[in-house]
Protein backbone atom coordinates (compact mmCIF):
# COMPACT_ATOMS: atom_id res chain seq x y z
CA MET A 1 21.82 -42.23 50.75
CA ALA A 2 18.71 -41.12 48.85
CA LYS A 3 17.01 -37.79 49.49
CA HIS A 4 13.92 -39.38 51.01
CA GLU A 5 16.10 -41.01 53.67
CA TYR A 6 17.04 -37.57 54.96
CA ASP A 7 13.35 -36.74 55.13
CA LYS A 8 12.83 -39.91 57.19
CA ILE A 9 15.62 -38.80 59.53
CA LEU A 10 13.97 -35.42 60.00
CA THR A 11 10.59 -37.02 60.76
CA ARG A 12 12.18 -39.41 63.27
CA LEU A 13 14.04 -36.62 65.05
CA ILE A 14 10.88 -34.55 65.33
CA ASN A 15 9.00 -37.50 66.85
CA ILE A 16 11.80 -38.35 69.28
CA LEU A 17 12.04 -34.75 70.45
CA SER A 18 8.24 -34.56 70.79
CA LEU A 19 8.20 -37.66 73.02
CA LEU A 20 10.96 -36.33 75.24
CA ASN A 21 9.36 -32.88 75.33
CA ASP A 22 6.18 -34.57 76.65
CA GLY A 23 8.14 -36.04 79.55
CA LYS A 24 8.65 -39.55 78.19
CA GLU A 25 11.74 -41.49 79.30
CA LEU A 26 12.87 -44.04 76.70
CA THR A 27 15.77 -46.44 76.24
CA THR A 28 17.83 -46.69 73.06
CA LYS A 29 16.33 -50.13 72.42
CA GLU A 30 12.74 -48.84 72.80
CA LEU A 31 13.38 -46.00 70.38
CA ALA A 32 15.05 -48.33 67.88
CA GLU A 33 12.07 -50.69 67.95
CA GLN A 34 9.54 -47.85 67.71
CA PHE A 35 11.18 -46.30 64.64
CA ASN A 36 12.38 -49.58 63.08
CA VAL A 37 16.05 -48.61 63.00
CA THR A 38 19.19 -49.94 64.69
CA GLU A 39 20.29 -48.91 68.16
CA ARG A 40 23.42 -47.47 66.53
CA THR A 41 21.21 -45.14 64.48
CA ILE A 42 19.41 -43.93 67.62
CA LEU A 43 22.74 -43.28 69.34
CA ARG A 44 23.82 -41.21 66.35
CA ASP A 45 20.53 -39.29 66.52
CA MET A 46 21.11 -38.46 70.17
CA ASN A 47 24.84 -37.80 70.13
CA GLU A 48 25.12 -35.99 66.80
CA ARG A 49 21.84 -34.85 65.30
CA LEU A 50 20.19 -33.71 68.54
CA TYR A 51 23.37 -32.68 70.33
CA SER A 52 22.27 -29.02 70.57
CA PHE A 53 19.22 -29.95 72.67
CA PRO A 54 19.38 -30.64 76.45
CA VAL A 55 18.78 -34.38 76.03
CA TYR A 56 20.75 -36.69 78.30
CA LYS A 57 20.97 -40.33 79.33
CA ASP A 58 20.18 -41.37 82.89
CA LYS A 59 20.28 -45.05 83.89
CA LYS A 60 19.91 -46.21 80.26
CA LYS A 61 16.94 -43.89 79.63
CA TRP A 62 16.94 -40.78 77.48
CA LYS A 63 15.36 -37.74 79.10
CA MET A 64 14.80 -34.05 78.46
CA GLN A 65 16.51 -31.82 80.99
CA ASP A 66 14.20 -30.64 83.77
CA GLY A 67 12.78 -27.18 83.19
CA PHE A 68 13.38 -27.22 79.44
CA LYS A 69 10.42 -26.95 77.13
CA LEU A 70 10.30 -26.13 73.45
CA GLU A 71 8.75 -22.72 72.87
CA LYS A 72 5.08 -22.87 71.96
CA ASN A 73 5.45 -20.18 69.29
CA ASN A 74 7.92 -22.33 67.37
CA SER A 75 7.04 -25.78 66.11
CA ILE A 76 9.21 -28.68 67.24
CA GLU A 77 10.01 -29.25 63.59
CA GLU A 78 11.50 -25.77 63.28
CA GLU A 79 13.51 -26.23 66.46
CA VAL A 80 14.96 -29.48 65.13
CA VAL A 81 15.80 -27.98 61.74
CA LEU A 82 17.46 -24.97 63.35
CA GLY A 83 19.47 -27.23 65.64
CA ILE A 84 20.65 -29.47 62.83
CA LEU A 85 21.72 -26.43 60.79
CA GLU A 86 24.76 -26.30 63.04
CA LYS A 87 25.88 -29.38 61.15
CA PHE A 88 24.62 -28.06 57.82
CA SER A 89 27.36 -29.51 55.66
CA SER A 90 25.78 -32.91 56.34
CA SER A 91 22.23 -31.62 56.01
CA ILE A 92 21.99 -30.53 52.38
CA GLY A 93 19.26 -31.87 50.13
CA GLY A 94 15.81 -33.35 50.30
CA GLU A 95 12.90 -31.93 52.23
CA PHE A 96 15.19 -30.92 55.09
CA SER A 97 17.02 -28.44 52.86
CA THR A 98 13.72 -26.91 51.78
CA LYS A 99 12.44 -26.57 55.34
CA ALA A 100 15.74 -25.07 56.50
CA HIS A 101 15.63 -22.52 53.69
CA LYS A 102 12.09 -21.51 54.64
CA LEU A 103 13.06 -21.16 58.27
CA LEU A 104 16.04 -18.96 57.47
CA ASN A 105 13.83 -16.77 55.32
CA LYS A 106 11.44 -16.47 58.24
CA ILE A 107 14.28 -15.39 60.53
CA LYS A 108 15.50 -12.85 57.99
CA ASN A 109 12.14 -11.39 56.99
CA ASP A 110 10.04 -11.45 60.17
CA GLU A 111 10.02 -7.82 61.33
CA LEU A 112 9.13 -8.86 64.89
CA ASN A 113 12.04 -11.28 65.12
CA PRO A 114 15.10 -9.70 66.81
CA ILE A 115 17.49 -11.78 64.69
CA TYR A 116 18.48 -10.85 61.15
CA THR A 117 21.12 -12.68 59.20
CA LYS A 118 22.41 -12.22 55.67
CA LEU A 119 23.52 -15.62 54.46
CA ASN A 120 25.14 -15.27 51.06
CA ILE A 121 25.95 -18.94 50.48
CA GLU A 122 25.79 -20.66 47.12
CA ASP A 123 22.90 -23.11 46.78
CA ILE A 124 24.11 -26.65 46.08
CA GLY A 125 20.89 -28.43 47.02
CA ASP A 126 20.74 -29.96 43.54
CA MET A 127 24.05 -31.77 44.18
CA PHE A 128 22.92 -33.84 47.15
CA ASP A 129 23.86 -37.22 45.62
CA GLU A 130 27.32 -35.99 44.58
CA ILE A 131 27.97 -34.41 47.97
CA LYS A 132 26.98 -37.58 49.77
CA LEU A 133 29.41 -39.61 47.64
CA LEU A 134 32.19 -37.13 48.39
CA GLU A 135 31.41 -37.09 52.12
CA ASP A 136 31.59 -40.88 52.28
CA ALA A 137 34.83 -40.96 50.28
CA ILE A 138 36.42 -38.30 52.51
CA LYS A 139 35.44 -40.13 55.70
CA SER A 140 36.62 -43.53 54.46
CA LYS A 141 39.67 -42.05 52.64
CA ASN A 142 38.77 -43.63 49.31
CA ILE A 143 40.22 -42.39 46.05
CA ILE A 144 37.64 -41.07 43.58
CA GLU A 145 37.39 -40.73 39.83
CA CYS A 146 35.38 -37.80 38.49
CA THR A 147 34.89 -35.42 35.58
CA TYR A 148 35.87 -31.77 35.94
CA ASP A 149 34.78 -28.90 33.70
CA ASP A 150 37.00 -25.89 34.37
CA GLU A 151 35.31 -23.76 31.65
CA VAL A 152 38.64 -23.32 29.80
CA TYR A 153 39.39 -26.78 28.46
CA GLU A 154 37.13 -29.64 27.50
CA PRO A 155 35.82 -31.60 30.52
CA TYR A 156 38.43 -34.11 31.63
CA LYS A 157 38.74 -37.00 34.05
CA GLU A 158 40.49 -36.67 37.40
CA ILE A 159 41.81 -39.24 39.87
CA LEU A 160 41.72 -37.57 43.27
CA LYS A 161 42.18 -38.09 46.98
CA PRO A 162 39.29 -36.02 48.39
CA LEU A 163 40.18 -34.13 51.58
CA LYS A 164 37.48 -31.57 52.39
CA ILE A 165 34.40 -29.83 51.05
CA VAL A 166 34.98 -26.17 51.90
CA ASN A 167 33.20 -22.85 51.55
CA TYR A 168 35.07 -19.64 50.87
CA GLU A 169 33.20 -16.36 50.50
CA GLY A 170 29.94 -18.23 49.86
CA PHE A 171 31.27 -20.56 47.13
CA TRP A 172 31.75 -24.32 47.52
CA TYR A 173 34.96 -26.17 46.58
CA LEU A 174 36.37 -29.67 46.76
CA VAL A 175 39.92 -29.71 48.14
CA ALA A 176 41.77 -32.83 47.02
CA LEU A 177 45.17 -34.26 46.18
CA ASP A 178 45.79 -35.24 42.59
CA GLU A 179 47.98 -38.11 41.36
CA ASP A 180 51.10 -35.94 41.78
CA GLU A 181 50.13 -35.17 45.42
CA TYR A 182 49.40 -31.55 44.47
CA VAL A 183 46.58 -29.85 46.37
CA ARG A 184 43.73 -29.10 43.98
CA LYS A 185 40.82 -26.74 44.64
CA LEU A 186 37.94 -27.61 42.34
CA TYR A 187 34.78 -25.54 42.08
CA LEU A 188 32.21 -28.02 43.37
CA LYS A 189 29.50 -27.39 40.76
CA LYS A 190 31.93 -28.38 38.01
CA VAL A 191 32.59 -31.83 39.54
CA SER A 192 30.45 -34.63 38.12
CA ASN A 193 30.37 -38.38 37.33
CA ILE A 194 31.87 -39.23 40.72
CA LYS A 195 32.92 -42.84 41.23
CA VAL A 196 34.33 -44.02 44.54
CA LYS A 197 37.16 -46.51 44.06
CA ASP A 198 38.21 -49.32 46.40
CA GLU A 199 41.70 -47.84 46.83
CA VAL A 200 42.34 -45.94 50.05
CA PHE A 201 44.86 -43.22 50.87
CA GLU A 202 46.48 -41.61 53.88
CA THR A 203 46.47 -37.94 54.90
CA ASN A 204 48.26 -35.91 57.53
CA THR A 205 47.46 -32.96 59.76
CA LYS A 206 49.38 -30.59 57.48
CA ILE A 207 46.36 -30.29 55.19
CA ASP A 208 44.00 -29.47 58.07
CA ASN A 209 46.41 -26.82 59.37
CA MET A 210 46.76 -25.35 55.90
CA LEU A 211 42.99 -25.01 55.53
CA LYS A 212 42.64 -23.62 59.05
CA ASN A 213 45.22 -20.91 58.35
CA SER A 214 44.08 -20.07 54.84
CA ILE A 215 42.46 -16.68 54.28
CA SER A 216 40.79 -17.50 50.97
CA ILE A 217 40.65 -20.14 48.26
CA TRP A 218 43.81 -18.57 46.80
CA PHE A 219 46.09 -20.39 49.29
CA GLN A 220 48.96 -22.36 47.72
CA SER A 221 50.22 -25.62 49.19
CA ASP A 222 53.51 -25.67 47.26
CA ARG A 223 54.77 -22.23 48.29
CA GLU A 224 56.61 -21.05 51.36
CA ALA A 225 54.50 -18.95 53.68
CA PHE A 226 55.54 -15.32 54.19
CA ASP A 227 54.46 -12.40 56.36
CA VAL A 228 52.68 -9.22 55.28
CA HIS A 229 53.06 -6.30 57.68
CA LEU A 230 50.06 -3.94 57.54
CA HIS A 231 49.11 -0.58 59.05
CA VAL A 232 45.40 -0.43 59.94
CA ASP A 233 44.02 3.10 60.33
CA ALA A 234 42.06 3.90 63.49
CA GLU A 235 38.85 4.29 61.42
CA ILE A 236 38.73 0.57 60.66
CA SER A 237 40.83 -0.97 63.45
CA LYS A 238 37.72 -2.14 65.31
CA TYR A 239 36.81 -4.48 62.43
CA PHE A 240 40.19 -6.24 62.60
CA LYS A 241 39.79 -6.57 66.37
CA ARG A 242 36.28 -8.02 66.09
CA LYS A 243 37.10 -10.52 63.36
CA PRO A 244 40.85 -11.10 62.98
CA LEU A 245 42.11 -12.75 59.81
CA PRO A 246 43.00 -16.45 60.33
CA THR A 247 46.75 -15.88 60.71
CA GLN A 248 46.59 -12.31 62.02
CA LYS A 249 49.04 -11.36 64.80
CA LEU A 250 49.03 -8.01 66.55
CA HIS A 251 52.36 -6.20 66.16
CA SER A 252 51.55 -2.94 67.95
CA VAL A 253 48.79 -0.53 68.97
CA ASN A 254 49.47 3.14 68.28
CA GLN A 255 48.36 6.12 70.36
CA ASP A 256 45.97 7.32 67.63
CA GLY A 257 44.09 4.00 67.77
CA SER A 258 45.64 2.55 64.63
CA LEU A 259 47.13 -0.94 64.57
CA GLU A 260 50.06 -2.70 63.02
CA ILE A 261 49.34 -6.33 62.27
CA VAL A 262 51.19 -9.20 60.62
CA VAL A 263 49.35 -11.69 58.42
CA THR A 264 50.95 -14.93 57.21
CA ILE A 265 49.99 -16.01 53.67
CA THR A 266 51.22 -18.33 50.93
CA TYR A 267 50.15 -16.27 47.90
CA ASP A 268 49.64 -12.53 47.43
CA MET A 269 46.07 -13.02 46.17
CA GLU A 270 45.08 -14.20 49.63
CA ILE A 271 45.51 -10.67 50.98
CA THR A 272 45.33 -8.42 47.87
CA PRO A 273 41.49 -8.32 47.63
CA ILE A 274 41.27 -7.46 51.34
CA ILE A 275 43.74 -4.60 51.00
CA LYS A 276 41.90 -3.21 47.98
CA TYR A 277 38.56 -3.50 49.79
CA TRP A 278 39.80 -1.37 52.71
CA MET A 279 41.77 1.20 50.70
CA PRO A 280 42.93 3.79 51.69
CA TYR A 281 42.66 2.74 55.36
CA LEU A 282 44.87 -0.34 55.04
CA LYS A 283 48.49 0.20 54.05
CA ILE A 284 51.34 -2.22 53.36
CA ILE A 285 54.51 -1.76 55.38
CA GLU A 286 56.26 -4.89 54.13
CA PRO A 287 56.96 -6.45 51.65
CA LYS A 288 57.55 -3.52 49.33
CA TRP A 289 57.04 -5.60 46.18
CA LEU A 290 53.43 -6.23 47.20
CA GLU A 291 52.84 -2.53 47.83
CA GLU A 292 54.22 -1.76 44.35
CA LYS A 293 52.10 -4.48 42.74
CA ILE A 294 48.86 -3.13 44.23
CA ALA A 295 49.85 0.46 43.33
CA LYS A 296 50.34 -0.70 39.73
CA ASP A 297 46.89 -2.33 39.71
CA VAL A 298 45.33 0.91 40.96
CA ARG A 299 47.14 3.01 38.31
CA GLU A 300 45.99 0.67 35.54
CA PHE A 301 42.42 0.83 36.84
CA LEU A 302 42.44 4.63 36.93
CA ASN A 303 43.95 4.83 33.44
CA LYS A 304 41.07 2.77 32.07
């Protein structure tokens, strides 16, 4: 799908929401004829793209919920963009991306606005065409051929089964299976020359569970998971209560307010940066080899 098609989608959504906001009651067929699209497209608009708005269907007619009105101090366009941002992985590129970026800046910089957010996410707006190809291949489970430049070797070709486009710590990656069924994690900006092949593949829920339980991009699919037992000092315990790590389990709460937690990982680098970030308030109880490894890193750092 070309960039201008996303701009057309945005314009159509704004117009649909404006009509409903004015009290109009319209059928799917009427909307399809008015905007020269299929009824299936209108259904997708209503059920996916405008799902965050109180729009509902009553006796074949789409209506805006009684009592709901878009705020006058925000344009309908901004309301639509902000709503669609909840599905932002499918909303990158074109004029929509630009408008969304402006709106987020407004939220962050308007002193009178009670909301402030610090979004430190890598910009991949220049990869819209590549992302769309990958999205389609992931949904249809088609094998892809691409070029990957890992900055160490010369760029080389890959045959992959694309699984997910993921974001860890603000950076975008393509998670895929290679020809040996090994889980690869490719930095998205280094993927190019994507060609979707006719061959299809099958996946299982193991991959989804692995991603769900991963702490960082360092997860390893070919290693046995193991537990790390940590002591969390009272000074920082509130942060691990507010936002637990994906596999965090509470072991005990101590009288001084400190915690003991257990985190399941597949590779020590999943947890090592977190431990170093919170030093000296986060201590390793088990395994001892990990405690010794981090202590060695600290000694080497101090010696330098």
